[in-house]
Protein backbone atom coordinates (compact mmCIF):
# COMPACT_ATOMS: atom_id res chain seq x y z
CA MET A 1 16.43 -15.16 -74.08
CA SER A 2 13.76 -14.28 -71.52
CA ASN A 3 11.36 -16.89 -70.16
CA ASN A 4 7.84 -15.57 -69.62
CA THR A 5 5.55 -17.71 -67.49
CA LEU A 6 1.80 -17.63 -66.90
CA ILE A 7 0.51 -18.98 -63.61
CA LEU A 8 -3.21 -19.61 -63.31
CA GLY A 9 -5.71 -21.64 -61.34
CA LEU A 10 -7.35 -24.72 -62.83
CA GLN A 11 -10.24 -25.01 -60.36
CA TRP A 12 -12.56 -22.49 -58.65
CA GLY A 13 -9.72 -20.35 -57.29
CA ASP A 14 -7.88 -20.69 -53.96
CA GLU A 15 -5.42 -23.19 -55.48
CA GLY A 16 -2.33 -21.64 -53.92
CA LYS A 17 -1.22 -19.42 -56.81
CA GLY A 18 0.26 -16.70 -54.59
CA LYS A 19 2.82 -19.03 -53.02
CA ILE A 20 3.96 -20.35 -56.40
CA VAL A 21 4.24 -16.85 -57.90
CA ASP A 22 6.20 -15.76 -54.83
CA ASN A 23 8.46 -18.79 -55.19
CA LEU A 24 9.23 -18.06 -58.85
CA SER A 25 9.50 -14.27 -58.38
CA GLU A 26 12.96 -14.62 -56.86
CA SER A 27 14.47 -15.07 -60.32
CA THR A 28 11.97 -12.95 -62.29
CA ASP A 29 12.24 -9.36 -63.49
CA ALA A 30 8.53 -8.49 -63.43
CA VAL A 31 5.19 -9.83 -62.13
CA CYS A 32 1.87 -8.72 -63.68
CA ARG A 33 -1.78 -9.06 -62.68
CA PHE A 34 -4.11 -9.10 -65.70
CA GLN A 35 -7.70 -9.61 -64.47
CA GLY A 36 -9.98 -9.61 -61.44
CA GLY A 37 -9.90 -7.16 -58.58
CA HIS A 38 -9.65 -7.23 -54.81
CA ASN A 39 -11.88 -10.31 -54.81
CA ALA A 40 -8.58 -12.19 -55.18
CA GLY A 41 -6.73 -13.28 -52.05
CA HIS A 42 -3.21 -14.62 -52.53
CA THR A 43 -1.68 -15.87 -49.28
CA ILE A 44 2.10 -16.04 -48.91
CA LYS A 45 3.94 -17.33 -45.85
CA VAL A 46 7.60 -16.34 -45.40
CA ASN A 47 9.59 -17.16 -42.24
CA GLY A 48 6.35 -17.86 -40.40
CA GLU A 49 4.83 -14.48 -41.32
CA LYS A 50 1.66 -14.52 -43.41
CA THR A 51 0.92 -11.86 -46.03
CA VAL A 52 -2.37 -11.73 -47.94
CA LEU A 53 -2.37 -9.77 -51.20
CA HIS A 54 -5.62 -8.81 -52.93
CA LEU A 55 -4.57 -6.45 -55.73
CA ILE A 56 -0.81 -6.09 -55.71
CA PRO A 57 1.15 -8.79 -57.59
CA SER A 58 2.78 -11.38 -55.33
CA GLY A 59 6.23 -10.44 -56.65
CA ILE A 60 6.15 -7.28 -54.52
CA LEU A 61 7.80 -9.24 -51.69
CA HIS A 62 10.96 -9.62 -53.81
CA GLN A 63 12.88 -6.37 -54.12
CA ASN A 64 14.31 -7.37 -57.52
CA ALA A 65 10.87 -7.78 -59.14
CA LYS A 66 8.91 -4.95 -60.72
CA CYS A 67 5.13 -5.24 -60.46
CA LEU A 68 2.33 -4.17 -62.79
CA ILE A 69 -1.45 -4.08 -62.43
CA GLY A 70 -2.68 -4.42 -66.01
CA ASN A 71 -5.65 -2.87 -67.77
CA GLY A 72 -7.79 -5.99 -67.29
CA VAL A 73 -7.94 -5.44 -63.52
CA VAL A 74 -10.75 -3.44 -61.86
CA LEU A 75 -9.44 -1.17 -59.10
CA ALA A 76 -10.89 -0.32 -55.71
CA LEU A 77 -8.73 2.67 -54.78
CA ASP A 78 -9.41 2.45 -51.03
CA ALA A 79 -8.40 -1.24 -50.96
CA LEU A 80 -5.31 -0.52 -53.05
CA ASP A 81 -4.19 2.36 -50.83
CA LYS A 82 -4.67 0.26 -47.70
CA GLU A 83 -2.68 -2.64 -49.16
CA ILE A 84 0.18 -0.36 -50.23
CA ASN A 85 0.39 1.24 -46.79
CA GLU A 86 0.37 -2.14 -45.02
CA LEU A 87 3.24 -3.35 -47.19
CA LYS A 88 5.18 -0.12 -46.75
CA GLY A 89 4.81 -0.74 -43.01
CA LYS A 90 6.76 -3.97 -43.60
CA ASN A 91 9.52 -1.98 -45.38
CA ILE A 92 8.41 -3.04 -48.85
CA LYS A 93 9.57 -0.47 -51.41
CA PHE A 94 7.26 0.72 -54.22
CA LYS A 95 9.14 3.58 -55.87
CA ASP A 96 10.19 2.81 -59.46
CA ARG A 97 9.04 -0.80 -59.20
CA PHE A 98 5.24 -0.69 -58.95
CA PHE A 99 2.99 0.47 -61.82
CA ILE A 100 -0.74 0.63 -62.58
CA SER A 101 -2.31 0.80 -66.04
CA SER A 102 -4.09 4.07 -66.83
CA ALA A 103 -6.81 1.92 -68.47
CA CYS A 104 -7.89 0.09 -65.29
CA SER A 105 -11.61 0.59 -64.61
CA LEU A 106 -12.43 1.89 -61.14
CA ILE A 107 -14.81 0.30 -58.65
CA LEU A 108 -17.05 2.99 -57.12
CA PRO A 109 -19.11 2.77 -53.90
CA SER A 110 -22.23 2.61 -56.08
CA HIS A 111 -20.88 -0.54 -57.78
CA ILE A 112 -20.65 -2.18 -54.35
CA SER A 113 -24.23 -1.20 -53.49
CA ILE A 114 -25.53 -2.66 -56.77
CA ASP A 115 -23.53 -5.85 -56.24
CA LYS A 116 -24.89 -6.41 -52.74
CA VAL A 117 -28.52 -5.59 -53.41
CA ARG A 118 -28.57 -7.66 -56.59
CA ASP A 119 -26.97 -10.74 -55.03
CA LYS A 120 -29.70 -10.86 -52.39
CA LYS A 121 -32.08 -11.77 -55.22
CA GLU A 122 -29.78 -13.65 -57.61
CA SER A 123 -27.80 -15.68 -55.03
CA ILE A 124 -24.70 -16.02 -57.21
CA GLY A 125 -22.53 -15.84 -54.10
CA THR A 126 -20.36 -12.87 -55.11
CA THR A 127 -17.86 -11.30 -52.73
CA GLY A 128 -20.04 -8.17 -52.70
CA ARG A 129 -17.09 -5.96 -53.65
CA GLY A 130 -18.50 -4.39 -56.80
CA ILE A 131 -16.40 -6.45 -59.23
CA GLY A 132 -19.23 -7.59 -61.53
CA PRO A 133 -20.96 -4.19 -61.85
CA ALA A 134 -17.57 -2.53 -62.54
CA TYR A 135 -16.92 -4.96 -65.40
CA GLU A 136 -20.45 -4.33 -66.69
CA ASP A 137 -19.70 -0.62 -66.95
CA LYS A 138 -16.38 -1.35 -68.65
CA VAL A 139 -18.14 -3.39 -71.33
CA GLY A 140 -20.91 -0.76 -71.48
CA ARG A 141 -18.21 1.85 -72.27
CA ARG A 142 -19.13 4.13 -69.38
CA ALA A 143 -16.43 3.18 -66.84
CA VAL A 144 -14.34 5.67 -64.92
CA ARG A 145 -10.70 4.72 -65.50
CA PHE A 146 -7.60 5.18 -63.39
CA GLY A 147 -6.17 7.61 -65.96
CA ASP A 148 -9.20 9.89 -65.53
CA LEU A 149 -7.74 11.10 -62.24
CA ALA A 150 -5.38 13.24 -64.35
CA ASN A 151 -8.14 15.77 -65.06
CA GLU A 152 -10.49 16.86 -62.28
CA ASP A 153 -13.19 18.18 -64.65
CA ILE A 154 -13.26 15.06 -66.82
CA LEU A 155 -13.34 12.88 -63.69
CA ARG A 156 -16.22 14.88 -62.20
CA ASN A 157 -18.28 14.67 -65.41
CA LYS A 158 -17.72 10.93 -65.78
CA ILE A 159 -18.61 10.25 -62.14
CA GLU A 160 -21.75 12.38 -62.43
CA LEU A 161 -22.94 10.41 -65.46
CA ILE A 162 -22.19 6.95 -64.09
CA VAL A 163 -23.48 7.53 -60.55
CA SER A 164 -26.71 9.05 -61.91
CA TYR A 165 -27.14 5.84 -63.89
CA HIS A 166 -26.35 3.71 -60.83
CA ASN A 167 -28.84 5.65 -58.71
CA ARG A 168 -31.62 4.89 -61.17
CA ILE A 169 -30.80 1.18 -60.91
CA LEU A 170 -30.68 1.32 -57.11
CA VAL A 171 -33.86 3.36 -56.62
CA GLU A 172 -36.13 2.33 -59.51
CA ILE A 173 -35.24 -1.36 -59.78
CA HIS A 174 -34.08 -2.36 -56.31
CA ASN A 175 -35.93 0.19 -54.15
CA ASP A 176 -32.65 1.05 -52.44
CA GLU A 177 -30.98 4.27 -51.35
CA PRO A 178 -29.20 6.49 -53.92
CA HIS A 179 -25.60 7.72 -53.61
CA ASP A 180 -24.53 11.33 -53.28
CA ILE A 181 -22.57 12.17 -56.45
CA GLU A 182 -20.31 14.74 -54.78
CA GLU A 183 -19.43 12.30 -52.00
CA ILE A 184 -18.35 9.67 -54.52
CA PHE A 185 -16.31 12.23 -56.46
CA ASN A 186 -14.51 13.28 -53.26
CA GLU A 187 -13.95 9.65 -52.28
CA VAL A 188 -12.29 8.90 -55.63
CA TYR A 189 -10.31 12.12 -55.97
CA LYS A 190 -8.72 11.82 -52.55
CA TYR A 191 -6.63 9.00 -54.05
CA LYS A 192 -5.13 11.28 -56.71
CA HIS A 193 -1.72 10.56 -55.13
CA LEU A 194 -1.98 6.96 -56.38
CA TYR A 195 -2.33 8.28 -59.93
CA ASP A 196 0.61 10.65 -59.43
CA CYS A 197 2.88 7.89 -58.13
CA TYR A 198 1.98 4.82 -60.16
CA CYS A 199 -0.07 5.52 -63.32
CA ILE A 200 1.51 4.41 -66.61
CA ASP A 201 0.68 3.32 -70.15
CA SER A 202 0.98 -0.36 -69.37
CA GLN A 203 1.21 -1.61 -72.94
CA ASP A 204 4.23 0.64 -73.56
CA LEU A 205 5.80 -0.79 -70.40
CA MET A 206 5.10 -4.37 -71.50
CA TYR A 207 6.68 -3.60 -74.89
CA GLU A 208 9.80 -2.22 -73.19
CA TRP A 209 10.14 -5.26 -70.94
CA VAL A 210 9.78 -7.67 -73.86
CA LYS A 211 12.30 -5.75 -75.97
CA GLU A 212 14.75 -5.74 -73.04
CA ASN A 213 14.33 -9.54 -72.69
CA LYS A 214 12.99 -9.21 -69.17
CA SER A 215 11.59 -12.39 -67.65
CA ILE A 216 7.92 -11.83 -66.82
CA LEU A 217 5.45 -13.72 -64.62
CA PHE A 218 1.76 -13.31 -65.42
CA GLU A 219 -0.26 -13.87 -62.23
CA GLY A 220 -3.82 -15.10 -62.65
CA ALA A 221 -6.55 -14.57 -60.07
CA GLN A 222 -9.54 -16.84 -59.29
CA GLY A 223 -9.55 -20.00 -61.45
CA THR A 224 -10.54 -21.52 -64.79
CA LEU A 225 -13.90 -22.85 -63.55
CA LEU A 226 -14.85 -19.25 -62.64
CA ASP A 227 -14.09 -17.90 -66.13
CA ILE A 228 -16.92 -15.76 -67.54
CA ASP A 229 -16.98 -17.88 -70.73
CA HIS A 230 -15.60 -21.28 -69.76
CA GLY A 231 -16.66 -21.57 -66.12
CA THR A 232 -19.82 -22.91 -64.43
CA TYR A 233 -21.98 -20.03 -65.70
CA PRO A 234 -23.76 -18.12 -64.17
CA TYR A 235 -21.85 -19.03 -61.00
CA VAL A 236 -18.67 -17.41 -62.25
CA THR A 237 -16.61 -14.25 -61.88
CA SER A 238 -16.86 -11.40 -64.39
CA SER A 239 -13.43 -11.61 -66.04
CA SER A 240 -11.42 -13.94 -68.26
CA THR A 241 -9.46 -16.10 -65.81
CA THR A 242 -8.06 -18.38 -68.53
CA ALA A 243 -4.91 -17.99 -70.64
CA GLY A 244 -6.64 -15.72 -73.14
CA GLY A 245 -7.13 -13.11 -70.42
CA VAL A 246 -3.40 -12.36 -70.40
CA SER A 247 -3.43 -10.86 -73.89
CA THR A 248 -6.55 -8.76 -73.34
CA GLY A 249 -5.65 -7.82 -69.77
CA LEU A 250 -2.09 -6.66 -70.51
CA GLY A 251 -1.94 -6.00 -74.25
CA ILE A 252 0.68 -8.66 -74.97
CA GLY A 253 0.40 -11.32 -77.68
CA PRO A 254 0.25 -15.04 -76.84
CA LYS A 255 3.57 -15.80 -78.55
CA PHE A 256 5.32 -14.00 -75.68
CA ILE A 257 4.08 -16.62 -73.19
CA ASP A 258 6.72 -19.37 -73.03
CA LYS A 259 5.39 -21.55 -70.23
CA ILE A 260 1.93 -22.00 -68.69
CA ILE A 261 1.79 -23.43 -65.16
CA GLY A 262 -1.67 -24.57 -64.13
CA ILE A 263 -2.30 -24.96 -60.40
CA SER A 264 -4.64 -27.47 -58.81
CA LYS A 265 -5.10 -28.60 -55.24
CA ALA A 266 -4.76 -32.33 -54.57
CA TYR A 267 -8.50 -32.12 -53.84
CA THR A 268 -11.16 -29.54 -54.78
CA THR A 269 -12.69 -26.53 -53.05
CA ARG A 270 -15.27 -23.94 -53.98
CA VAL A 271 -16.54 -20.74 -52.35
CA GLY A 272 -20.08 -19.51 -52.93
CA GLU A 273 -22.95 -21.01 -54.90
CA GLY A 274 -22.89 -23.23 -57.97
CA PRO A 275 -22.47 -26.88 -59.03
CA PHE A 276 -19.76 -29.00 -57.40
CA ILE A 277 -20.11 -32.64 -58.46
CA THR A 278 -17.47 -34.11 -56.09
CA GLU A 279 -18.48 -32.10 -53.00
CA LEU A 280 -18.26 -34.00 -49.71
CA PHE A 281 -20.70 -33.77 -46.80
CA ASP A 282 -18.98 -36.30 -44.52
CA ALA A 283 -16.01 -36.64 -42.19
CA ASN A 284 -13.60 -36.60 -45.14
CA GLY A 285 -14.94 -33.22 -46.22
CA ASP A 286 -14.67 -31.92 -42.66
CA HIS A 287 -11.09 -33.18 -42.47
CA LEU A 288 -10.07 -31.44 -45.71
CA ALA A 289 -11.66 -28.18 -44.53
CA LYS A 290 -10.01 -28.28 -41.10
CA LYS A 291 -6.56 -29.55 -42.12
CA GLY A 292 -6.49 -27.38 -45.24
CA ASN A 293 -7.68 -24.29 -43.33
CA GLU A 294 -10.27 -23.81 -46.03
CA PHE A 295 -11.52 -20.32 -45.40
CA GLY A 296 -11.39 -17.59 -48.05
CA ALA A 297 -8.39 -15.23 -47.72
CA THR A 298 -10.57 -12.37 -48.99
CA THR A 299 -14.02 -13.04 -47.52
CA GLY A 300 -13.32 -15.42 -44.63
CA ARG A 301 -16.12 -17.62 -45.96
CA ALA A 302 -15.80 -21.38 -45.40
CA ARG A 303 -14.90 -23.20 -48.59
CA ARG A 304 -16.86 -26.22 -49.75
CA CYS A 305 -14.57 -29.26 -50.05
CA GLY A 306 -14.55 -32.39 -52.19
CA TRP A 307 -12.47 -34.96 -54.02
CA LEU A 308 -10.34 -34.06 -57.02
CA ASP A 309 -12.34 -33.91 -60.27
CA LEU A 310 -10.00 -35.09 -63.04
CA VAL A 311 -12.61 -34.65 -65.77
CA ALA A 312 -12.83 -30.92 -65.06
CA LEU A 313 -9.06 -30.69 -64.51
CA LYS A 314 -8.21 -32.29 -67.87
CA LYS A 315 -10.56 -29.88 -69.64
CA ALA A 316 -9.02 -26.90 -67.82
CA ILE A 317 -5.53 -28.03 -68.85
CA PHE A 318 -6.70 -28.14 -72.48
CA THR A 319 -8.47 -24.76 -72.29
CA ASN A 320 -5.29 -23.08 -71.06
CA SER A 321 -2.65 -25.01 -73.07
CA VAL A 322 -1.00 -25.86 -69.74
CA THR A 323 2.61 -27.01 -70.12
CA ASP A 324 3.29 -27.74 -66.43
CA LEU A 325 0.94 -28.91 -63.69
CA CYS A 326 1.43 -27.77 -60.10
CA ILE A 327 -0.28 -29.80 -57.37
CA THR A 328 -0.74 -28.00 -54.04
CA LYS A 329 -1.79 -29.05 -50.53
CA LEU A 330 -0.70 -32.66 -50.92
CA ASP A 331 0.11 -32.68 -47.19
CA VAL A 332 -3.54 -31.98 -46.30
CA MET A 333 -4.37 -35.54 -47.36
CA ASP A 334 -1.70 -37.24 -45.23
CA GLU A 335 -4.13 -38.67 -42.65
CA LEU A 336 -6.79 -40.04 -45.01
CA LYS A 337 -7.06 -43.86 -45.15
CA GLU A 338 -8.69 -43.77 -48.59
CA ILE A 339 -8.54 -41.10 -51.29
CA HIS A 340 -11.10 -40.92 -54.07
CA VAL A 341 -10.59 -39.25 -57.44
CA CYS A 342 -13.31 -38.62 -60.01
CA ASN A 343 -12.36 -39.95 -63.48
CA ALA A 344 -15.79 -39.94 -65.18
CA TYR A 345 -19.38 -38.73 -64.87
CA GLU A 346 -22.38 -41.06 -65.06
CA ASP A 347 -25.95 -39.70 -64.93
CA ASN A 348 -24.50 -36.40 -63.66
CA LYS A 349 -22.79 -38.17 -60.76
CA PRO A 350 -19.07 -38.75 -60.20
CA VAL A 351 -17.41 -42.10 -60.90
CA TYR A 352 -14.49 -42.62 -58.51
CA LYS A 353 -11.22 -44.49 -58.53
CA VAL A 354 -10.11 -45.25 -54.97
CA PHE A 355 -6.50 -45.04 -53.77
CA GLU A 356 -5.03 -46.19 -50.49
CA GLY A 357 -3.86 -43.26 -48.41
CA TRP A 358 -0.20 -42.90 -47.48
CA LEU A 359 -0.77 -42.15 -43.77
CA THR A 360 2.67 -40.54 -43.51
CA SER A 361 3.54 -36.87 -43.21
CA THR A 362 4.56 -35.22 -46.48
CA GLU A 363 4.70 -31.73 -44.96
CA GLY A 364 7.87 -29.92 -45.95
CA VAL A 365 9.16 -32.68 -48.26
CA THR A 366 11.35 -31.12 -50.99
CA LYS A 367 12.42 -34.21 -53.00
CA TYR A 368 10.00 -36.30 -55.03
CA SER A 369 11.95 -39.45 -54.15
CA ASP A 370 11.17 -38.83 -50.45
CA LEU A 371 7.39 -38.99 -50.94
CA PRO A 372 5.56 -42.15 -49.80
CA ASP A 373 4.88 -44.65 -52.59
CA ASN A 374 1.10 -44.20 -52.36
CA ALA A 375 1.46 -40.43 -52.75
CA LYS A 376 3.57 -40.99 -55.87
CA LYS A 377 0.93 -43.39 -57.25
CA TYR A 378 -1.73 -40.72 -56.73
CA ILE A 379 0.34 -38.01 -58.43
CA GLU A 380 1.32 -40.26 -61.33
CA TYR A 381 -2.31 -41.24 -61.94
CA ILE A 382 -3.22 -37.54 -62.13
CA GLU A 383 -0.37 -36.98 -64.61
CA ASN A 384 -1.38 -39.93 -66.80
CA PHE A 385 -5.07 -39.03 -66.83
CA THR A 386 -4.55 -35.34 -67.63
CA GLU A 387 -1.57 -35.97 -69.94
CA CYS A 388 0.36 -33.26 -68.14
CA ASN A 389 3.48 -33.53 -65.97
CA ALA A 390 3.34 -32.26 -62.37
CA SER A 391 6.62 -30.35 -62.30
CA ILE A 392 5.82 -28.57 -59.01
CA ILE A 393 4.30 -30.15 -55.88
CA SER A 394 3.56 -28.02 -52.84
CA THR A 395 3.90 -29.75 -49.46
CA GLY A 396 3.12 -26.82 -47.16
CA PRO A 397 2.27 -23.11 -47.06
CA SER A 398 5.83 -21.75 -46.84
CA ARG A 399 7.80 -20.93 -49.97
CA ASP A 400 10.50 -23.52 -49.16
CA GLN A 401 7.98 -26.39 -48.76
CA THR A 402 8.03 -27.22 -52.46
CA ILE A 403 9.15 -30.09 -54.72
CA ASN A 404 10.54 -29.01 -58.11
CA ARG A 405 10.89 -31.87 -60.62
């Protein structure tokens, strides 16, 4: 019987999902993205070489794994083409193992313009890549989809309608410059080769894989606290980053998900605006940022850093029906004399339990028994509070720096 696993973030993204997906892809038949766009940035380090993936599933680095971008993803064709070519330059093969849903909505240059001009006023802290406006058009039933590249006339008509609408928003509401419709059509249609090579009815493919008992990894992007419904609204992304997003973003029922691995850093980070109750503005915060190399893989923006918030983590575990907890970046905390963890809120402020640090290197440790006692106490407190076992602990960026329990 196949074993299908969902991997998703339990915080505000950047939890280290890419490494864990890469680690598990070795023994998996297929890896699927189901939401988000190229605002994701999954960093994988193999034999000292770093690869950052924005759209393509992390399983692409394993020749045995097939990869699918599901209908819930919004596609920037220029970013996708660039990513494919960079990977091909590293001798990664795509033929007969990489597929894109015909139902993916496309991100147009006009979406990016709307995103940027709007965020100047709204200060949500978006990546400025057109993700939100593209999802708006999907819900508004006017999106241009990947499958539309099959017919030049249909594509032209749809682009004319949507860009005319975008130009009204840009000019009449934001007093900005309009886009040339023909230029946008040419920009999109020059990627027709992507349609020719990779377009597929993704739900049919999912059905085939399930019937063939293929083992499937579902790769989440961003994190639970950025979910459009369950996150810190309005400071959220525009897609469903929680477990429910798998079914809508791939067309597969929840009973086909056997295991749900939720990923959390041993501390907390956030990029962009929005509430962050355990955020640090002291030397501890500086240490986490520097030692953890806390800069966005997609935007390069510095991440805000703080102590682990167990109240939010426990809720995220419940929201996603998490079966296995994965704790990443434990080694980042090796040099801290004291470690705080939030276990309650009082008057909208965090209440902390304080642990003694372990002041010993955990980098590269692969056996739980080899961890310092104070590190084990910290992990076991997290497990007891959240009522979820930490079956995976990451002790470094490379795929082999992992404890499996």
